[in-house]
C-alpha atoms as a PDB file:
ATOM      1  CA  MET A   1       0.044  -0.180   0.074  1.00  0.00           C
ATOM      2  CA  SER A   2       1.380   3.285  -0.875  1.00  0.00           C
ATOM      3  CA  ARG A   3       1.948   6.091   1.692  1.00  0.00           C
ATOM      4  CA  GLY A   4      -1.416   8.097   1.921  1.00  0.00           C
ATOM      5  CA  GLN A   5      -3.448   5.582   0.313  1.00  0.00           C
ATOM      6  CA  SER A   6      -6.864   5.267   2.018  1.00  0.00           C
ATOM      7  CA  VAL A   7      -8.044   1.931   3.177  1.00  0.00           C
ATOM      8  CA  ALA A   8     -11.953   0.921   2.213  1.00  0.00           C
ATOM      9  CA  VAL A   9     -13.489   1.213   5.439  1.00  0.00           C
ATOM     10  CA  HIS A  10     -17.030   1.136   4.200  1.00  0.00           C
ATOM     11  CA  VAL A  11     -20.057  -1.075   4.721  1.00  0.00           C
ATOM     12  CA  ARG A  12     -18.586  -3.559   2.161  1.00  0.00           C
ATOM     13  CA  SER A  13     -15.141  -4.017   1.168  1.00  0.00           C
ATOM     14  CA  TRP A  14     -14.042  -4.879  -2.439  1.00  0.00           C
ATOM     15  CA  SER A  15     -13.284  -8.270  -1.800  1.00  0.00           C
ATOM     16  CA  ALA A  16     -16.506  -9.284   0.117  1.00  0.00           C
ATOM     17  CA  ALA A  17     -19.122 -11.268  -1.279  1.00  0.00           C
ATOM     18  CA  PRO A  18     -22.583 -10.070  -0.009  1.00  0.00           C
ATOM     19  CA  ARG A  19     -24.638 -13.095   1.781  1.00  0.00           C
ATOM     20  CA  ARG A  20     -28.135 -13.560   1.193  1.00  0.00           C
ATOM     21  CA  GLN A  21     -29.981 -15.379   3.732  1.00  0.00           C
ATOM     22  CA  ARG A  22     -33.307 -17.461   3.661  1.00  0.00           C
ATOM     23  CA  CYS A  23     -36.181 -14.971   4.843  1.00  0.00           C
ATOM     24  CA  TYR A  24     -39.459 -16.422   6.194  1.00  0.00           C
ATOM     25  CA  PRO A  25     -42.702 -13.911   6.136  1.00  0.00           C
ATOM     26  CA  ASP A  26     -43.173 -12.080   9.141  1.00  0.00           C
ATOM     27  CA  GLN A  27     -39.811 -13.163  10.579  1.00  0.00           C
ATOM     28  CA  ILE A  28     -38.851 -11.238  13.654  1.00  0.00           C
ATOM     29  CA  VAL A  29     -35.213 -11.344  14.665  1.00  0.00           C
ATOM     30  CA  SER A  30     -34.091 -11.021  18.492  1.00  0.00           C
ATOM     31  CA  LEU A  31     -30.553 -10.003  18.080  1.00  0.00           C
ATOM     32  CA  ALA A  32     -28.616  -7.531  19.794  1.00  0.00           C
ATOM     33  CA  LEU A  33     -28.503  -4.104  17.955  1.00  0.00           C
ATOM     34  CA  THR A  34     -24.869  -4.602  17.848  1.00  0.00           C
ATOM     35  CA  ASP A  35     -25.530  -7.595  15.409  1.00  0.00           C
ATOM     36  CA  PHE A  36     -27.033  -5.380  12.776  1.00  0.00           C
ATOM     37  CA  ILE A  37     -25.072  -2.948  10.599  1.00  0.00           C
ATOM     38  CA  LEU A  38     -27.048   0.091   9.147  1.00  0.00           C
ATOM     39  CA  VAL A  39     -26.599   0.122   5.404  1.00  0.00           C
ATOM     40  CA  GLY A  40     -29.013   2.696   4.335  1.00  0.00           C
ATOM     41  CA  ARG A  41     -32.568   4.660   5.238  1.00  0.00           C
ATOM     42  CA  ILE A  42     -35.678   4.433   3.345  1.00  0.00           C
ATOM     43  CA  ASN A  43     -36.390   7.770   2.155  1.00  0.00           C
ATOM     44  CA  GLY A  44     -39.512   7.959  -0.101  1.00  0.00           C
ATOM     45  CA  LEU A  45     -41.893   6.181  -2.308  1.00  0.00           C
ATOM     46  CA  PHE A  46     -41.643   5.003  -6.007  1.00  0.00           C
ATOM     47  CA  GLY A  47     -44.633   4.558  -8.109  1.00  0.00           C
ATOM     48  CA  THR A  48     -47.931   2.868  -6.797  1.00  0.00           C
ATOM     49  CA  ARG A  49     -46.922  -0.744  -6.498  1.00  0.00           C
ATOM     50  CA  GLY A  50     -45.017  -0.787  -3.239  1.00  0.00           C
ATOM     51  CA  TRP A  51     -41.590   0.275  -4.120  1.00  0.00           C
ATOM     52  CA  VAL A  52     -39.625   2.445  -2.069  1.00  0.00           C
ATOM     53  CA  LYS A  53     -36.541   4.765  -2.513  1.00  0.00           C
ATOM     54  CA  VAL A  54     -33.620   3.997  -0.304  1.00  0.00           C
ATOM     55  CA  PHE A  55     -30.480   6.105   0.599  1.00  0.00           C
ATOM     56  CA  SER A  56     -27.577   3.570   0.536  1.00  0.00           C
ATOM     57  CA  HIS A  57     -24.575   4.106   3.049  1.00  0.00           C
ATOM     58  CA  THR A  58     -22.804   1.632   1.044  1.00  0.00           C
ATOM     59  CA  ARG A  59     -19.787   2.084  -1.431  1.00  0.00           C
ATOM     60  CA  PRO A  60     -20.424   1.766  -4.281  1.00  0.00           C
ATOM     61  CA  ARG A  61     -24.124   2.926  -3.545  1.00  0.00           C
ATOM     62  CA  ASP A  62     -25.725   0.244  -5.494  1.00  0.00           C
ATOM     63  CA  ASN A  63     -23.853  -2.617  -3.404  1.00  0.00           C
ATOM     64  CA  LEU A  64     -27.051  -2.472  -1.338  1.00  0.00           C
ATOM     65  CA  VAL A  65     -29.255  -4.354  -3.779  1.00  0.00           C
ATOM     66  CA  ASP A  66     -26.893  -7.186  -3.330  1.00  0.00           C
ATOM     67  CA  TYR A  67     -28.247  -8.065   0.285  1.00  0.00           C
ATOM     68  CA  SER A  68     -31.314  -9.939   1.340  1.00  0.00           C
ATOM     69  CA  PRO A  69     -33.041  -9.988   3.563  1.00  0.00           C
ATOM     70  CA  TRP A  70     -33.028  -6.487   4.973  1.00  0.00           C
ATOM     71  CA  TYR A  71     -33.905  -5.629   8.581  1.00  0.00           C
ATOM     72  CA  LEU A  72     -36.341  -2.769   9.720  1.00  0.00           C
ATOM     73  CA  LEU A  73     -37.105  -1.818  12.982  1.00  0.00           C
ATOM     74  CA  THR A  74     -40.706  -2.097  13.279  1.00  0.00           C
ATOM     75  CA  ASP A  75     -42.590  -1.532  16.770  1.00  0.00           C
ATOM     76  CA  GLY A  76     -39.661  -1.995  18.449  1.00  0.00           C
ATOM     77  CA  GLU A  77     -38.513  -5.269  16.939  1.00  0.00           C
ATOM     78  CA  TRP A  78     -36.205  -5.942  13.927  1.00  0.00           C
ATOM     79  CA  ARG A  79     -38.494  -7.359  11.017  1.00  0.00           C
ATOM     80  CA  ALA A  80     -36.918  -9.303   8.054  1.00  0.00           C
ATOM     81  CA  TYR A  81     -38.137  -8.218   4.412  1.00  0.00           C
ATOM     82  CA  GLU A  82     -37.178 -10.248   1.745  1.00  0.00           C
ATOM     83  CA  VAL A  83     -35.637  -8.148  -1.331  1.00  0.00           C
ATOM     84  CA  ILE A  84     -37.804  -9.038  -4.271  1.00  0.00           C
ATOM     85  CA  GLU A  85     -36.097  -6.643  -6.656  1.00  0.00           C
ATOM     86  CA  ALA A  86     -33.556  -3.948  -6.159  1.00  0.00           C
ATOM     87  CA  ARG A  87     -31.782  -1.681  -8.370  1.00  0.00           C
ATOM     88  CA  ARG A  88     -29.486   1.564  -8.698  1.00  0.00           C
ATOM     89  CA  HIS A  89     -31.787   4.662  -9.797  1.00  0.00           C
ATOM     90  CA  HIS A  90     -30.572   8.162 -10.221  1.00  0.00           C
ATOM     91  CA  GLY A  91     -27.840   7.917  -7.726  1.00  0.00           C
ATOM     92  CA  GLY A  92     -29.891   6.030  -4.918  1.00  0.00           C
ATOM     93  CA  VAL A  93     -31.651   2.659  -4.833  1.00  0.00           C
ATOM     94  CA  ILE A  94     -35.193   1.683  -5.360  1.00  0.00           C
ATOM     95  CA  ALA A  95     -36.573  -1.693  -3.802  1.00  0.00           C
ATOM     96  CA  HIS A  96     -39.531  -3.882  -3.740  1.00  0.00           C
ATOM     97  CA  LEU A  97     -39.853  -5.605  -0.644  1.00  0.00           C
ATOM     98  CA  ALA A  98     -41.925  -8.793  -0.038  1.00  0.00           C
ATOM     99  CA  GLY A  99     -45.354  -8.342   1.547  1.00  0.00           C
ATOM    100  CA  ILE A 100     -45.321  -4.518   0.569  1.00  0.00           C
ATOM    101  CA  ASP A 101     -47.401  -4.411  -2.668  1.00  0.00           C
ATOM    102  CA  ASP A 102     -49.113  -0.696  -2.525  1.00  0.00           C
ATOM    103  CA  ARG A 103     -48.277   2.796  -1.808  1.00  0.00           C
ATOM    104  CA  ASP A 104     -49.861   2.872   1.610  1.00  0.00           C
ATOM    105  CA  GLN A 105     -47.834  -0.195   2.742  1.00  0.00           C
ATOM    106  CA  ALA A 106     -44.688   1.498   1.379  1.00  0.00           C
ATOM    107  CA  ALA A 107     -45.516   4.799   3.001  1.00  0.00           C
ATOM    108  CA  SER A 108     -45.442   3.042   6.406  1.00  0.00           C
ATOM    109  CA  LEU A 109     -41.691   2.304   5.731  1.00  0.00           C
ATOM    110  CA  VAL A 110     -40.401   5.932   5.086  1.00  0.00           C
ATOM    111  CA  ARG A 111     -37.645   7.118   7.479  1.00  0.00           C
ATOM    112  CA  ARG A 112     -36.940   3.647   8.625  1.00  0.00           C
ATOM    113  CA  ASP A 113     -33.379   2.531   8.931  1.00  0.00           C
ATOM    114  CA  VAL A 114     -32.080  -0.511   6.633  1.00  0.00           C
ATOM    115  CA  ALA A 115     -29.935  -2.870   8.324  1.00  0.00           C
ATOM    116  CA  ILE A 116     -28.249  -6.400   7.576  1.00  0.00           C
ATOM    117  CA  THR A 117     -27.074  -8.956  10.075  1.00  0.00           C
ATOM    118  CA  ARG A 118     -23.251  -9.129  10.697  1.00  0.00           C
ATOM    119  CA  GLU A 119     -23.504 -12.783   9.107  1.00  0.00           C
ATOM    120  CA  GLN A 120     -24.365 -11.021   5.760  1.00  0.00           C
ATOM    121  CA  LEU A 121     -21.385  -9.290   5.410  1.00  0.00           C
ATOM    122  CA  GLY A 122     -18.416 -11.186   3.787  1.00  0.00           C
ATOM    123  CA  PRO A 123     -14.793 -10.921   5.515  1.00  0.00           C
ATOM    124  CA  ALA A 124     -13.050  -7.728   4.678  1.00  0.00           C
ATOM    125  CA  GLY A 125     -10.228  -7.860   2.426  1.00  0.00           C
ATOM    126  CA  HIS A 126      -6.877  -7.713   4.111  1.00  0.00           C
ATOM    127  CA  GLY A 127      -6.187  -4.675   5.731  1.00  0.00           C
ATOM    128  CA  ASP A 128      -9.536  -3.580   5.013  1.00  0.00           C
ATOM    129  CA  TYR A 129     -11.992  -2.822   7.687  1.00  0.00           C
ATOM    130  CA  TYR A 130     -15.758  -1.961   7.832  1.00  0.00           C
ATOM    131  CA  TRP A 131     -16.911   1.254   9.314  1.00  0.00           C
ATOM    132  CA  ALA A 132     -18.982  -0.958  11.907  1.00  0.00           C
ATOM    133  CA  ASP A 133     -15.550  -2.594  13.014  1.00  0.00           C
ATOM    134  CA  LEU A 134     -13.852   0.710  13.853  1.00  0.00           C
ATOM    135  CA  VAL A 135     -16.512   2.322  15.598  1.00  0.00           C
ATOM    136  CA  GLY A 136     -15.985   1.713  19.440  1.00  0.00           C
ATOM    137  CA  LEU A 137     -12.141   1.545  19.059  1.00  0.00           C
ATOM    138  CA  LYS A 138     -10.051   3.342  21.466  1.00  0.00           C
ATOM    139  CA  VAL A 139      -7.593   5.865  19.956  1.00  0.00           C
ATOM    140  CA  ILE A 140      -4.126   6.197  21.260  1.00  0.00           C
ATOM    141  CA  ASN A 141      -1.718   8.720  19.873  1.00  0.00           C
ATOM    142  CA  ARG A 142       2.143   8.240  19.576  1.00  0.00           C
ATOM    143  CA  ASP A 143       2.780   9.704  22.747  1.00  0.00           C
ATOM    144  CA  GLY A 144       0.539   7.131  24.693  1.00  0.00           C
ATOM    145  CA  GLN A 145      -2.370   9.405  25.496  1.00  0.00           C
ATOM    146  CA  GLU A 146      -5.736   8.290  24.849  1.00  0.00           C
ATOM    147  CA  LEU A 147      -7.519  10.571  22.640  1.00  0.00           C
ATOM    148  CA  GLY A 148     -10.989   9.169  23.040  1.00  0.00           C
ATOM    149  CA  THR A 149     -13.215   6.536  20.856  1.00  0.00           C
ATOM    150  CA  VAL A 150     -14.203   6.158  17.485  1.00  0.00           C
ATOM    151  CA  THR A 151     -17.870   7.304  17.446  1.00  0.00           C
ATOM    152  CA  GLY A 152     -18.353   7.400  13.765  1.00  0.00           C
ATOM    153  CA  LEU A 153     -16.855   8.065  10.224  1.00  0.00           C
ATOM    154  CA  MET A 154     -17.909  10.334   7.235  1.00  0.00           C
ATOM    155  CA  GLU A 155     -16.952  10.451   3.532  1.00  0.00           C
ATOM    156  CA  THR A 156     -15.590  13.717   2.591  1.00  0.00           C
ATOM    157  CA  GLY A 157     -14.491  12.937  -1.064  1.00  0.00           C
ATOM    158  CA  ALA A 158     -10.519  13.063  -0.313  1.00  0.00           C
ATOM    159  CA  HIS A 159     -10.520  10.659   2.581  1.00  0.00           C
ATOM    160  CA  ASP A 160     -12.712   9.213   5.053  1.00  0.00           C
ATOM    161  CA  VAL A 161     -12.900  11.101   8.326  1.00  0.00           C
ATOM    162  CA  MET A 162     -13.182   9.631  11.673  1.00  0.00           C
ATOM    163  CA  ARG A 163     -14.845  11.325  14.373  1.00  0.00           C
ATOM    164  CA  ILE A 164     -13.259  10.809  17.889  1.00  0.00           C
ATOM    165  CA  GLU A 165     -14.848  11.742  20.962  1.00  0.00           C
ATOM    166  CA  GLY A 166     -13.115  11.993  24.403  1.00  0.00           C
ATOM    167  CA  ALA A 167     -12.385  14.927  26.506  1.00  0.00           C
ATOM    168  CA  ARG A 168     -12.598  16.828  22.999  1.00  0.00           C
ATOM    169  CA  GLU A 169     -13.789  15.779  19.533  1.00  0.00           C
ATOM    170  CA  TYR A 170     -11.033  15.273  17.142  1.00  0.00           C
ATOM    171  CA  LEU A 171     -11.796  14.725  13.104  1.00  0.00           C
ATOM    172  CA  ILE A 172      -8.911  12.375  11.971  1.00  0.00           C
ATOM    173  CA  PRO A 173      -8.415  11.638   8.304  1.00  0.00           C
ATOM    174  CA  TYR A 174      -8.289   7.750   8.076  1.00  0.00           C
ATOM    175  CA  VAL A 175      -5.056   7.521   6.016  1.00  0.00           C
ATOM    176  CA  ARG A 176      -3.171   4.477   6.640  1.00  0.00           C
ATOM    177  CA  ASP A 177       0.705   5.100   7.242  1.00  0.00           C
ATOM    178  CA  VAL A 178       0.116   8.788   7.774  1.00  0.00           C
ATOM    179  CA  TYR A 179      -2.440   9.585  10.372  1.00  0.00           C
ATOM    180  CA  VAL A 180      -3.294   5.872  11.152  1.00  0.00           C
ATOM    181  CA  LEU A 181      -0.303   3.846  12.340  1.00  0.00           C
ATOM    182  CA  SER A 182      -2.133   0.524  13.408  1.00  0.00           C
ATOM    183  CA  VAL A 183      -5.584  -0.886  13.933  1.00  0.00           C
ATOM    184  CA  ASP A 184      -6.223  -3.635  16.179  1.00  0.00           C
ATOM    185  CA  VAL A 185      -9.780  -4.757  15.916  1.00  0.00           C
ATOM    186  CA  ALA A 186      -9.530  -7.550  18.248  1.00  0.00           C
ATOM    187  CA  GLY A 187      -7.583  -5.645  20.602  1.00  0.00           C
ATOM    188  CA  GLY A 188     -10.003  -2.885  20.474  1.00  0.00           C
ATOM    189  CA  GLU A 189      -7.857  -0.069  19.593  1.00  0.00           C
ATOM    190  CA  MET A 190      -6.188   2.268  17.054  1.00  0.00           C
ATOM    191  CA  ARG A 191      -2.849   4.051  17.006  1.00  0.00           C
ATOM    192  CA  VAL A 192      -2.697   7.265  15.424  1.00  0.00           C
ATOM    193  CA  ASP A 193      -0.102  10.038  14.648  1.00  0.00           C
ATOM    194  CA  TRP A 194      -2.292  13.177  15.929  1.00  0.00           C
ATOM    195  CA  HIS A 195      -1.376  15.483  18.973  1.00  0.00           C
ATOM    196  CA  SER A 196      -3.858  15.939  21.722  1.00  0.00           C
ATOM    197  CA  ASP A 197      -3.903  19.480  21.074  1.00  0.00           C
ATOM    198  CA  ASP A 198      -4.605  19.320  17.033  1.00  0.00           C
END
């Protein structure tokens, strides 16, 4: 990896193959919130036959169409919805979910987050990490000072940027061998080249 090159840390790494799981109508899943990875959000309706518009958090955006079922939080429980058909549409994704056959039913899903289970993710490639795996890591600088914990990441165009919250908030570009020195997901920490007063 060349100096300054960013690592793919989005929901899906380039080498990972998505996994489809069998979905049963009205399947309610009792997993902890940490077993789910948020991959998008239903943000509108498409047509009159139950299709929804989805803003995808995956990169590229249309990777979302490769996963089924999708899980939506309904009345405090995660409910599985089989993806009948999904495709890229004007920079987003449109989808038809099983059991959602008209505009009124689809309207009940608007503003719901779309999640998949961790098992649906393939393994990240060597040196790649899912954003979900980085969130929660303790961040320590070269001087051994703990800066805080990774609470989120954002895509800025040039580099992905980590939000670190501790005594104060830090925004640190995720650039391997420049700012990010090492990542130990199993050990729960990341080492960075960043001063506490930056």
